[in-house]
Every structure is written in structure tokens, then in C-alpha cells.
PDB file of N, CA and C in Angstrom:
ATOM      1  N   MET A   1     120.688  -5.029 -44.772  1.00  0.00           N
ATOM      2  CA  MET A   1     120.377  -6.372 -45.094  1.00  0.00           C
ATOM      3  C   MET A   1     121.043  -7.437 -44.137  1.00  0.00           C
ATOM      4  N   LEU A   2     122.288  -7.019 -43.747  1.00  0.00           N
ATOM      5  CA  LEU A   2     123.035  -7.978 -42.751  1.00  0.00           C
ATOM      6  C   LEU A   2     122.293  -7.853 -41.400  1.00  0.00           C
ATOM      7  N   LEU A   3     121.951  -6.680 -40.992  1.00  0.00           N
ATOM      8  CA  LEU A   3     121.290  -6.489 -39.830  1.00  0.00           C
ATOM      9  C   LEU A   3     119.963  -7.421 -39.752  1.00  0.00           C
ATOM     10  N   PHE A   4     119.071  -7.438 -40.684  1.00  0.00           N
ATOM     11  CA  PHE A   4     118.024  -8.081 -40.846  1.00  0.00           C
ATOM     12  C   PHE A   4     118.353  -9.722 -40.655  1.00  0.00           C
ATOM     13  N   THR A   5     119.416 -10.086 -41.314  1.00  0.00           N
ATOM     14  CA  THR A   5     119.767 -11.495 -41.352  1.00  0.00           C
ATOM     15  C   THR A   5     120.309 -11.923 -39.931  1.00  0.00           C
ATOM     16  N   MET A   6     121.040 -11.045 -39.293  1.00  0.00           N
ATOM     17  CA  MET A   6     121.468 -11.346 -37.855  1.00  0.00           C
ATOM     18  C   MET A   6     120.248 -11.423 -36.928  1.00  0.00           C
ATOM     19  N   ILE A   7     119.427 -10.451 -36.959  1.00  0.00           N
ATOM     20  CA  ILE A   7     118.123 -10.525 -36.130  1.00  0.00           C
ATOM     21  C   ILE A   7     117.389 -11.682 -36.381  1.00  0.00           C
ATOM     22  N   TYR A   8     117.155 -12.123 -37.700  1.00  0.00           N
ATOM     23  CA  TYR A   8     116.361 -13.260 -37.997  1.00  0.00           C
ATOM     24  C   TYR A   8     116.974 -14.570 -37.325  1.00  0.00           C
ATOM     25  N   GLN A   9     118.252 -14.712 -37.571  1.00  0.00           N
ATOM     26  CA  GLN A   9     119.017 -15.829 -37.023  1.00  0.00           C
ATOM     27  C   GLN A   9     118.989 -15.909 -35.551  1.00  0.00           C
ATOM     28  N   GLN A  10     118.822 -14.744 -34.932  1.00  0.00           N
ATOM     29  CA  GLN A  10     118.774 -14.950 -33.439  1.00  0.00           C
ATOM     30  C   GLN A  10     117.417 -14.807 -32.824  1.00  0.00           C
ATOM     31  N   THR A  11     116.453 -14.704 -33.660  1.00  0.00           N
ATOM     32  CA  THR A  11     115.097 -14.673 -33.201  1.00  0.00           C
ATOM     33  C   THR A  11     114.135 -15.757 -33.817  1.00  0.00           C
ATOM     34  N   SER A  12     113.397 -15.379 -34.785  1.00  0.00           N
ATOM     35  CA  SER A  12     112.363 -16.196 -35.352  1.00  0.00           C
ATOM     36  C   SER A  12     112.886 -17.253 -35.984  1.00  0.00           C
ATOM     37  N   GLY A  13     114.244 -17.334 -36.805  1.00  0.00           N
ATOM     38  CA  GLY A  13     114.584 -18.412 -37.355  1.00  0.00           C
ATOM     39  C   GLY A  13     114.688 -19.582 -36.510  1.00  0.00           C
ATOM     40  N   PRO A  14     115.502 -19.751 -35.497  1.00  0.00           N
ATOM     41  CA  PRO A  14     115.626 -20.891 -34.699  1.00  0.00           C
ATOM     42  C   PRO A  14     114.466 -20.886 -33.635  1.00  0.00           C
ATOM     43  N   VAL A  15     113.960 -19.763 -33.225  1.00  0.00           N
ATOM     44  CA  VAL A  15     113.196 -19.625 -32.016  1.00  0.00           C
ATOM     45  C   VAL A  15     111.921 -20.347 -32.292  1.00  0.00           C
ATOM     46  N   ALA A  16     111.388 -20.408 -33.535  1.00  0.00           N
ATOM     47  CA  ALA A  16     109.985 -21.002 -33.844  1.00  0.00           C
ATOM     48  C   ALA A  16     110.167 -22.554 -33.512  1.00  0.00           C
ATOM     49  N   TRP A  17     111.212 -23.146 -33.964  1.00  0.00           N
ATOM     50  CA  TRP A  17     111.404 -24.541 -33.553  1.00  0.00           C
ATOM     51  C   TRP A  17     111.395 -24.912 -32.094  1.00  0.00           C
ATOM     52  N   VAL A  18     112.151 -24.164 -31.432  1.00  0.00           N
ATOM     53  CA  VAL A  18     112.234 -24.355 -30.020  1.00  0.00           C
ATOM     54  C   VAL A  18     111.065 -24.046 -29.218  1.00  0.00           C
ATOM     55  N   TYR A  19     110.331 -22.906 -29.743  1.00  0.00           N
ATOM     56  CA  TYR A  19     109.144 -22.554 -29.032  1.00  0.00           C
ATOM     57  C   TYR A  19     107.989 -23.727 -29.259  1.00  0.00           C
ATOM     58  N   ALA A  20     108.020 -24.215 -30.382  1.00  0.00           N
ATOM     59  CA  ALA A  20     107.134 -25.220 -30.929  1.00  0.00           C
ATOM     60  C   ALA A  20     107.249 -26.616 -29.991  1.00  0.00           C
ATOM     61  N   ALA A  21     108.572 -26.851 -29.834  1.00  0.00           N
ATOM     62  CA  ALA A  21     108.772 -27.978 -28.861  1.00  0.00           C
ATOM     63  C   ALA A  21     108.522 -27.729 -27.565  1.00  0.00           C
ATOM     64  N   GLU A  22     108.619 -26.606 -27.035  1.00  0.00           N
ATOM     65  CA  GLU A  22     108.353 -26.299 -25.619  1.00  0.00           C
ATOM     66  C   GLU A  22     106.939 -26.094 -25.282  1.00  0.00           C
ATOM     67  N   THR A  23     106.173 -25.683 -26.175  1.00  0.00           N
ATOM     68  CA  THR A  23     104.675 -25.359 -25.863  1.00  0.00           C
ATOM     69  C   THR A  23     103.693 -26.394 -26.367  1.00  0.00           C
ATOM     70  N   THR A  24     104.130 -27.332 -27.241  1.00  0.00           N
ATOM     71  CA  THR A  24     103.106 -28.280 -27.689  1.00  0.00           C
ATOM     72  C   THR A  24     103.438 -29.713 -26.918  1.00  0.00           C
ATOM     73  N   ILE A  25     102.245 -30.487 -26.985  1.00  0.00           N
ATOM     74  CA  ILE A  25     102.601 -31.838 -26.455  1.00  0.00           C
ATOM     75  C   ILE A  25     102.979 -32.822 -27.536  1.00  0.00           C
ATOM     76  N   ASP A  26     103.188 -33.967 -27.252  1.00  0.00           N
ATOM     77  CA  ASP A  26     103.662 -34.847 -28.299  1.00  0.00           C
ATOM     78  C   ASP A  26     102.748 -35.093 -29.364  1.00  0.00           C
ATOM     79  N   ALA A  27     101.469 -35.086 -29.038  1.00  0.00           N
ATOM     80  CA  ALA A  27     100.513 -35.454 -30.136  1.00  0.00           C
ATOM     81  C   ALA A  27     100.305 -34.216 -31.140  1.00  0.00           C
ATOM     82  N   GLY A  28     100.529 -32.972 -30.575  1.00  0.00           N
ATOM     83  CA  GLY A  28     100.469 -31.857 -31.517  1.00  0.00           C
ATOM     84  C   GLY A  28     101.733 -31.473 -32.184  1.00  0.00           C
ATOM     85  N   MET A  29     102.813 -32.044 -31.868  1.00  0.00           N
ATOM     86  CA  MET A  29     104.001 -31.711 -32.513  1.00  0.00           C
ATOM     87  C   MET A  29     104.050 -32.002 -34.027  1.00  0.00           C
ATOM     88  N   GLY A  30     103.508 -33.204 -34.427  1.00  0.00           N
ATOM     89  CA  GLY A  30     103.435 -33.522 -35.785  1.00  0.00           C
ATOM     90  C   GLY A  30     102.754 -32.329 -36.829  1.00  0.00           C
ATOM     91  N   ILE A  31     101.652 -31.840 -36.211  1.00  0.00           N
ATOM     92  CA  ILE A  31     100.972 -30.616 -36.910  1.00  0.00           C
ATOM     93  C   ILE A  31     101.852 -29.479 -36.954  1.00  0.00           C
ATOM     94  N   VAL A  32     102.548 -29.170 -35.806  1.00  0.00           N
ATOM     95  CA  VAL A  32     103.332 -27.910 -35.851  1.00  0.00           C
ATOM     96  C   VAL A  32     104.565 -28.122 -36.659  1.00  0.00           C
ATOM     97  N   LEU A  33     105.124 -29.260 -36.764  1.00  0.00           N
ATOM     98  CA  LEU A  33     106.273 -29.580 -37.675  1.00  0.00           C
ATOM     99  C   LEU A  33     105.861 -29.456 -39.217  1.00  0.00           C
ATOM    100  N   LEU A  34     104.528 -29.838 -39.446  1.00  0.00           N
ATOM    101  CA  LEU A  34     104.037 -29.833 -40.747  1.00  0.00           C
ATOM    102  C   LEU A  34     103.949 -28.439 -41.209  1.00  0.00           C
ATOM    103  N   THR A  35     103.544 -27.513 -40.267  1.00  0.00           N
ATOM    104  CA  THR A  35     103.242 -26.206 -40.567  1.00  0.00           C
ATOM    105  C   THR A  35     104.561 -25.420 -40.752  1.00  0.00           C
ATOM    106  N   LEU A  36     105.451 -25.781 -39.845  1.00  0.00           N
ATOM    107  CA  LEU A  36     106.891 -25.137 -39.952  1.00  0.00           C
ATOM    108  C   LEU A  36     107.547 -25.419 -41.264  1.00  0.00           C
ATOM    109  N   TRP A  37     107.475 -26.683 -41.589  1.00  0.00           N
ATOM    110  CA  TRP A  37     108.153 -27.177 -42.866  1.00  0.00           C
ATOM    111  C   TRP A  37     107.421 -26.693 -44.168  1.00  0.00           C
ATOM    112  N   GLY A  38     106.097 -26.485 -43.988  1.00  0.00           N
ATOM    113  CA  GLY A  38     105.225 -25.996 -45.187  1.00  0.00           C
ATOM    114  C   GLY A  38     105.640 -24.490 -45.328  1.00  0.00           C
ATOM    115  N   THR A  39     105.871 -23.958 -44.231  1.00  0.00           N
ATOM    116  CA  THR A  39     106.422 -22.321 -44.390  1.00  0.00           C
ATOM    117  C   THR A  39     107.788 -22.316 -45.089  1.00  0.00           C
ATOM    118  N   VAL A  40     108.661 -23.110 -44.647  1.00  0.00           N
ATOM    119  CA  VAL A  40     109.841 -23.254 -45.431  1.00  0.00           C
ATOM    120  C   VAL A  40     109.790 -23.543 -46.821  1.00  0.00           C
ATOM    121  N   LEU A  41     108.942 -24.555 -47.169  1.00  0.00           N
ATOM    122  CA  LEU A  41     108.710 -24.808 -48.610  1.00  0.00           C
ATOM    123  C   LEU A  41     108.041 -23.661 -49.381  1.00  0.00           C
ATOM    124  N   VAL A  42     107.073 -23.046 -48.654  1.00  0.00           N
ATOM    125  CA  VAL A  42     106.450 -21.873 -49.548  1.00  0.00           C
ATOM    126  C   VAL A  42     107.534 -20.786 -49.635  1.00  0.00           C
ATOM    127  N   LEU A  43     108.343 -20.501 -48.625  1.00  0.00           N
ATOM    128  CA  LEU A  43     109.428 -19.397 -48.887  1.00  0.00           C
ATOM    129  C   LEU A  43     110.473 -19.782 -49.836  1.00  0.00           C
ATOM    130  N   SER A  44     110.790 -21.069 -49.867  1.00  0.00           N
ATOM    131  CA  SER A  44     111.845 -21.434 -50.921  1.00  0.00           C
ATOM    132  C   SER A  44     111.249 -21.444 -52.281  1.00  0.00           C
ATOM    133  N   ILE A  45     110.038 -21.510 -52.560  1.00  0.00           N
ATOM    134  CA  ILE A  45     109.356 -21.307 -53.859  1.00  0.00           C
ATOM    135  C   ILE A  45     109.125 -19.950 -54.185  1.00  0.00           C
ATOM    136  N   VAL A  46     108.630 -19.126 -53.290  1.00  0.00           N
ATOM    137  CA  VAL A  46     108.212 -17.748 -53.460  1.00  0.00           C
ATOM    138  C   VAL A  46     109.227 -16.813 -53.607  1.00  0.00           C
ATOM    139  N   CYS A  47     110.382 -16.779 -52.544  1.00  0.00           N
ATOM    140  CA  CYS A  47     111.399 -15.838 -52.574  1.00  0.00           C
ATOM    141  C   CYS A  47     112.110 -15.718 -53.798  1.00  0.00           C
ATOM    142  N   PRO A  48     112.514 -16.862 -54.439  1.00  0.00           N
ATOM    143  CA  PRO A  48     113.446 -16.390 -55.611  1.00  0.00           C
ATOM    144  C   PRO A  48     112.522 -15.863 -56.894  1.00  0.00           C
ATOM    145  N   ILE A  49     111.327 -15.992 -56.897  1.00  0.00           N
ATOM    146  CA  ILE A  49     110.324 -15.329 -57.827  1.00  0.00           C
ATOM    147  C   ILE A  49     110.241 -13.894 -57.427  1.00  0.00           C
ATOM    148  N   ILE A  50     110.036 -13.433 -56.241  1.00  0.00           N
ATOM    149  CA  ILE A  50     109.834 -12.024 -55.863  1.00  0.00           C
ATOM    150  C   ILE A  50     111.215 -11.400 -55.726  1.00  0.00           C
ATOM    151  N   MET A  51     112.198 -12.111 -55.692  1.00  0.00           N
ATOM    152  CA  MET A  51     113.687 -11.341 -55.542  1.00  0.00           C
ATOM    153  C   MET A  51     114.126 -11.029 -56.890  1.00  0.00           C
ATOM    154  N   ASP A  52     113.465 -11.539 -57.964  1.00  0.00           N
ATOM    155  CA  ASP A  52     113.860 -11.202 -59.213  1.00  0.00           C
ATOM    156  C   ASP A  52     113.578  -9.641 -59.426  1.00  0.00           C
ATOM    157  N   PRO A  53     114.616  -8.923 -60.051  1.00  0.00           N
ATOM    158  CA  PRO A  53     114.593  -7.604 -60.267  1.00  0.00           C
ATOM    159  C   PRO A  53     113.344  -7.174 -61.103  1.00  0.00           C
ATOM    160  N   ARG A  54     112.810  -8.017 -62.034  1.00  0.00           N
ATOM    161  CA  ARG A  54     111.633  -7.652 -62.829  1.00  0.00           C
ATOM    162  C   ARG A  54     110.440  -7.727 -61.919  1.00  0.00           C
ATOM    163  N   SER A  55     110.418  -8.316 -60.713  1.00  0.00           N
ATOM    164  CA  SER A  55     109.228  -8.412 -59.665  1.00  0.00           C
ATOM    165  C   SER A  55     109.558  -7.215 -58.718  1.00  0.00           C
ATOM    166  N   LEU A  56     109.605  -7.728 -57.482  1.00  0.00           N
ATOM    167  CA  LEU A  56     109.873  -6.762 -56.439  1.00  0.00           C
ATOM    168  C   LEU A  56     111.196  -6.345 -56.150  1.00  0.00           C
ATOM    169  N   GLY A  57     112.126  -7.230 -56.476  1.00  0.00           N
ATOM    170  CA  GLY A  57     113.604  -7.135 -56.168  1.00  0.00           C
ATOM    171  C   GLY A  57     113.936  -7.294 -54.865  1.00  0.00           C
ATOM    172  N   PRO A  58     115.276  -7.351 -54.508  1.00  0.00           N
ATOM    173  CA  PRO A  58     115.823  -7.627 -53.220  1.00  0.00           C
ATOM    174  C   PRO A  58     115.129  -6.669 -52.086  1.00  0.00           C
ATOM    175  N   SER A  59     115.130  -5.419 -52.478  1.00  0.00           N
ATOM    176  CA  SER A  59     114.691  -4.336 -51.438  1.00  0.00           C
ATOM    177  C   SER A  59     113.298  -4.587 -51.034  1.00  0.00           C
ATOM    178  N   GLY A  60     112.385  -4.874 -52.150  1.00  0.00           N
ATOM    179  CA  GLY A  60     110.870  -5.044 -51.784  1.00  0.00           C
ATOM    180  C   GLY A  60     110.749  -6.282 -51.169  1.00  0.00           C
ATOM    181  N   THR A  61     111.603  -7.397 -51.336  1.00  0.00           N
ATOM    182  CA  THR A  61     111.456  -8.459 -50.662  1.00  0.00           C
ATOM    183  C   THR A  61     111.866  -8.328 -49.314  1.00  0.00           C
ATOM    184  N   PHE A  62     112.952  -7.590 -48.978  1.00  0.00           N
ATOM    185  CA  PHE A  62     113.369  -7.337 -47.587  1.00  0.00           C
ATOM    186  C   PHE A  62     112.247  -6.731 -46.838  1.00  0.00           C
ATOM    187  N   PHE A  63     111.534  -5.665 -47.357  1.00  0.00           N
ATOM    188  CA  PHE A  63     110.579  -4.948 -46.663  1.00  0.00           C
ATOM    189  C   PHE A  63     109.402  -5.770 -46.385  1.00  0.00           C
ATOM    190  N   ILE A  64     108.969  -6.752 -47.271  1.00  0.00           N
ATOM    191  CA  ILE A  64     107.912  -7.540 -46.967  1.00  0.00           C
ATOM    192  C   ILE A  64     108.376  -8.522 -45.872  1.00  0.00           C
ATOM    193  N   LEU A  65     109.466  -9.129 -45.902  1.00  0.00           N
ATOM    194  CA  LEU A  65     109.813 -10.054 -44.831  1.00  0.00           C
ATOM    195  C   LEU A  65     109.993  -9.363 -43.485  1.00  0.00           C
ATOM    196  N   ALA A  66     110.490  -8.152 -43.636  1.00  0.00           N
ATOM    197  CA  ALA A  66     110.728  -7.263 -42.323  1.00  0.00           C
ATOM    198  C   ALA A  66     109.327  -7.051 -41.708  1.00  0.00           C
ATOM    199  N   GLY A  67     108.306  -6.571 -42.650  1.00  0.00           N
ATOM    200  CA  GLY A  67     106.995  -6.407 -42.041  1.00  0.00           C
ATOM    201  C   GLY A  67     106.415  -7.618 -41.529  1.00  0.00           C
ATOM    202  N   ILE A  68     106.618  -8.801 -42.170  1.00  0.00           N
ATOM    203  CA  ILE A  68     106.123 -10.091 -41.529  1.00  0.00           C
ATOM    204  C   ILE A  68     106.713 -10.296 -40.264  1.00  0.00           C
ATOM    205  N   SER A  69     108.039  -9.975 -40.148  1.00  0.00           N
ATOM    206  CA  SER A  69     108.643 -10.244 -38.699  1.00  0.00           C
ATOM    207  C   SER A  69     108.322  -9.297 -37.762  1.00  0.00           C
ATOM    208  N   LEU A  70     107.946  -8.023 -37.951  1.00  0.00           N
ATOM    209  CA  LEU A  70     107.433  -7.151 -37.082  1.00  0.00           C
ATOM    210  C   LEU A  70     106.206  -7.554 -36.505  1.00  0.00           C
ATOM    211  N   PHE A  71     105.277  -8.130 -37.508  1.00  0.00           N
ATOM    212  CA  PHE A  71     103.952  -8.636 -37.225  1.00  0.00           C
ATOM    213  C   PHE A  71     104.104  -9.779 -36.229  1.00  0.00           C
ATOM    214  N   GLY A  72     105.089 -10.601 -36.633  1.00  0.00           N
ATOM    215  CA  GLY A  72     105.312 -11.827 -35.777  1.00  0.00           C
ATOM    216  C   GLY A  72     105.710 -11.576 -34.367  1.00  0.00           C
ATOM    217  N   ALA A  73     106.591 -10.321 -34.228  1.00  0.00           N
ATOM    218  CA  ALA A  73     107.171 -10.057 -32.938  1.00  0.00           C
ATOM    219  C   ALA A  73     106.070  -9.482 -32.214  1.00  0.00           C
ATOM    220  N   ALA A  74     105.082  -8.775 -32.705  1.00  0.00           N
ATOM    221  CA  ALA A  74     104.034  -8.125 -31.916  1.00  0.00           C
ATOM    222  C   ALA A  74     103.074  -9.170 -31.418  1.00  0.00           C
ATOM    223  N   TYR A  75     102.717 -10.196 -32.427  1.00  0.00           N
ATOM    224  CA  TYR A  75     101.931 -11.451 -31.962  1.00  0.00           C
ATOM    225  C   TYR A  75     102.612 -12.077 -30.835  1.00  0.00           C
ATOM    226  N   SER A  76     103.914 -12.391 -30.809  1.00  0.00           N
ATOM    227  CA  SER A  76     104.648 -12.970 -29.883  1.00  0.00           C
ATOM    228  C   SER A  76     104.449 -12.234 -28.498  1.00  0.00           C
ATOM    229  N   LYS A  77     104.643 -11.037 -28.639  1.00  0.00           N
ATOM    230  CA  LYS A  77     104.522 -10.263 -27.353  1.00  0.00           C
ATOM    231  C   LYS A  77     103.237 -10.202 -26.668  1.00  0.00           C
ATOM    232  N   PHE A  78     102.042 -10.013 -27.452  1.00  0.00           N
ATOM    233  CA  PHE A  78     100.889  -9.698 -26.873  1.00  0.00           C
ATOM    234  C   PHE A  78      99.949 -11.073 -26.967  1.00  0.00           C
ATOM    235  N   VAL A  79     100.191 -11.945 -27.617  1.00  0.00           N
ATOM    236  CA  VAL A  79      99.294 -13.149 -27.638  1.00  0.00           C
ATOM    237  C   VAL A  79      99.834 -14.592 -27.093  1.00  0.00           C
ATOM    238  N   ILE A  80     101.025 -14.973 -27.467  1.00  0.00           N
ATOM    239  CA  ILE A  80     101.638 -16.058 -27.027  1.00  0.00           C
ATOM    240  C   ILE A  80     101.939 -16.096 -25.436  1.00  0.00           C
ATOM    241  N   ARG A  81     101.604 -17.150 -24.751  1.00  0.00           N
ATOM    242  CA  ARG A  81     101.565 -17.430 -23.368  1.00  0.00           C
ATOM    243  C   ARG A  81     103.027 -18.100 -22.884  1.00  0.00           C
ATOM    244  N   GLU A  82     103.540 -17.626 -21.847  1.00  0.00           N
ATOM    245  CA  GLU A  82     104.951 -18.176 -21.325  1.00  0.00           C
ATOM    246  C   GLU A  82     104.590 -19.593 -20.695  1.00  0.00           C
ATOM    247  N   THR A  83     105.380 -20.471 -21.116  1.00  0.00           N
ATOM    248  CA  THR A  83     105.280 -21.792 -20.706  1.00  0.00           C
ATOM    249  C   THR A  83     106.332 -22.473 -20.024  1.00  0.00           C
ATOM    250  N   PHE A  84     107.363 -21.571 -19.751  1.00  0.00           N
ATOM    251  CA  PHE A  84     108.766 -22.012 -19.163  1.00  0.00           C
ATOM    252  C   PHE A  84     108.400 -22.685 -17.820  1.00  0.00           C
ATOM    253  N   GLY A  85     108.972 -24.037 -17.736  1.00  0.00           N
ATOM    254  CA  GLY A  85     108.972 -24.615 -16.392  1.00  0.00           C
ATOM    255  C   GLY A  85     107.594 -25.332 -16.112  1.00  0.00           C
ATOM    256  N   LYS A  86     106.577 -25.373 -17.072  1.00  0.00           N
ATOM    257  CA  LYS A  86     105.461 -26.041 -16.789  1.00  0.00           C
ATOM    258  C   LYS A  86     105.406 -27.392 -17.349  1.00  0.00           C
ATOM    259  N   SER A  87     104.665 -28.391 -16.683  1.00  0.00           N
ATOM    260  CA  SER A  87     104.611 -29.592 -17.241  1.00  0.00           C
ATOM    261  C   SER A  87     103.480 -29.810 -18.319  1.00  0.00           C
ATOM    262  N   ASP A  88     103.497 -31.019 -18.957  1.00  0.00           N
ATOM    263  CA  ASP A  88     102.552 -31.109 -20.115  1.00  0.00           C
ATOM    264  C   ASP A  88     101.033 -30.955 -19.482  1.00  0.00           C
ATOM    265  N   LYS A  89     100.827 -31.379 -18.408  1.00  0.00           N
ATOM    266  CA  LYS A  89      99.406 -31.281 -17.703  1.00  0.00           C
ATOM    267  C   LYS A  89      99.155 -29.856 -17.483  1.00  0.00           C
ATOM    268  N   GLU A  90     100.101 -29.085 -17.117  1.00  0.00           N
ATOM    269  CA  GLU A  90      99.757 -27.600 -16.878  1.00  0.00           C
ATOM    270  C   GLU A  90      99.628 -26.769 -18.212  1.00  0.00           C
ATOM    271  N   LYS A  91     100.374 -27.203 -19.226  1.00  0.00           N
ATOM    272  CA  LYS A  91     100.265 -26.688 -20.483  1.00  0.00           C
ATOM    273  C   LYS A  91      98.930 -26.972 -21.049  1.00  0.00           C
ATOM    274  N   LYS A  92      98.409 -28.176 -20.993  1.00  0.00           N
ATOM    275  CA  LYS A  92      97.024 -28.675 -21.360  1.00  0.00           C
ATOM    276  C   LYS A  92      96.039 -27.670 -20.817  1.00  0.00           C
ATOM    277  N   LEU A  93      96.090 -27.595 -19.398  1.00  0.00           N
ATOM    278  CA  LEU A  93      95.145 -26.780 -18.703  1.00  0.00           C
ATOM    279  C   LEU A  93      95.172 -25.207 -19.171  1.00  0.00           C
ATOM    280  N   MET A  94      96.361 -24.800 -19.472  1.00  0.00           N
ATOM    281  CA  MET A  94      96.518 -23.460 -19.690  1.00  0.00           C
ATOM    282  C   MET A  94      95.839 -23.101 -21.090  1.00  0.00           C
ATOM    283  N   PHE A  95      95.957 -24.058 -22.122  1.00  0.00           N
ATOM    284  CA  PHE A  95      95.308 -23.676 -23.338  1.00  0.00           C
ATOM    285  C   PHE A  95      94.037 -24.415 -23.680  1.00  0.00           C
ATOM    286  N   THR A  96      93.493 -25.062 -22.661  1.00  0.00           N
ATOM    287  CA  THR A  96      92.127 -25.508 -22.836  1.00  0.00           C
ATOM    288  C   THR A  96      91.109 -24.621 -22.238  1.00  0.00           C
ATOM    289  N   PRO A  97      90.047 -24.238 -22.986  1.00  0.00           N
ATOM    290  CA  PRO A  97      89.032 -23.307 -22.541  1.00  0.00           C
ATOM    291  C   PRO A  97      88.367 -23.971 -21.383  1.00  0.00           C
ATOM    292  N   GLU A  98      87.934 -23.213 -20.402  1.00  0.00           N
ATOM    293  CA  GLU A  98      87.327 -23.555 -19.114  1.00  0.00           C
ATOM    294  C   GLU A  98      85.824 -23.805 -19.518  1.00  0.00           C
ATOM    295  N   ARG A  99      85.350 -24.876 -18.840  1.00  0.00           N
ATOM    296  CA  ARG A  99      83.904 -25.318 -18.993  1.00  0.00           C
ATOM    297  C   ARG A  99      83.179 -24.701 -17.894  1.00  0.00           C
ATOM    298  N   PHE A 100      81.978 -24.489 -18.277  1.00  0.00           N
ATOM    299  CA  PHE A 100      80.907 -23.757 -17.221  1.00  0.00           C
ATOM    300  C   PHE A 100      80.396 -24.943 -16.345  1.00  0.00           C
TER     301      PHE A 100
END
């Protein structure tokens, strides 16, 4: 459990916020922040319920969150594009579909 917490705090915990600021332009940041805070809200409501021993319990909750984290790592590795050092204009061109 401590290893999971340590890995979460060094990866998807703070990284999602930094990645959102790096990849989106100013106009899209509001939508991204709404999504991130919505996720925090859902987790704060759902986790106490599923951590109850009569429900899944701590170990079941851990395995669900670990599975979600593994899916997120695979998604990040294979789908998300690198935007380090690119300007807003280059980011827009990178994520805009090409026209024929």
C-alpha cells in the first residue's frame, strides 16, 4: 500500500495537473480543470463507500485503483504526444486534424 501511494504521488497524482497546463492552451484549461476537479470529487465520494469492509474493503479498492493506474500509464505511453518546448501555435497544429 505504501509503494502504491509513493508511486501515485510521484506520477499521476501531481503529473496530471502539470501535463494539463503544458499541453492545453488557455481557452481549454477551464475544461481540463473542471474534469480534474470532477475526478477528485467522484473519488472523494466513492472511495469511502468502497473501502468499507462490507463492500470491497481496502485491498479490493487498492486493486481497482492500481488497475486504473496501469491503464493510465499504458494510455500515456502509447497515446499522449510529447509537447515539451513547443509553442501554443505548434501545439494547436499538433492536435488539429489536417484538412484535405
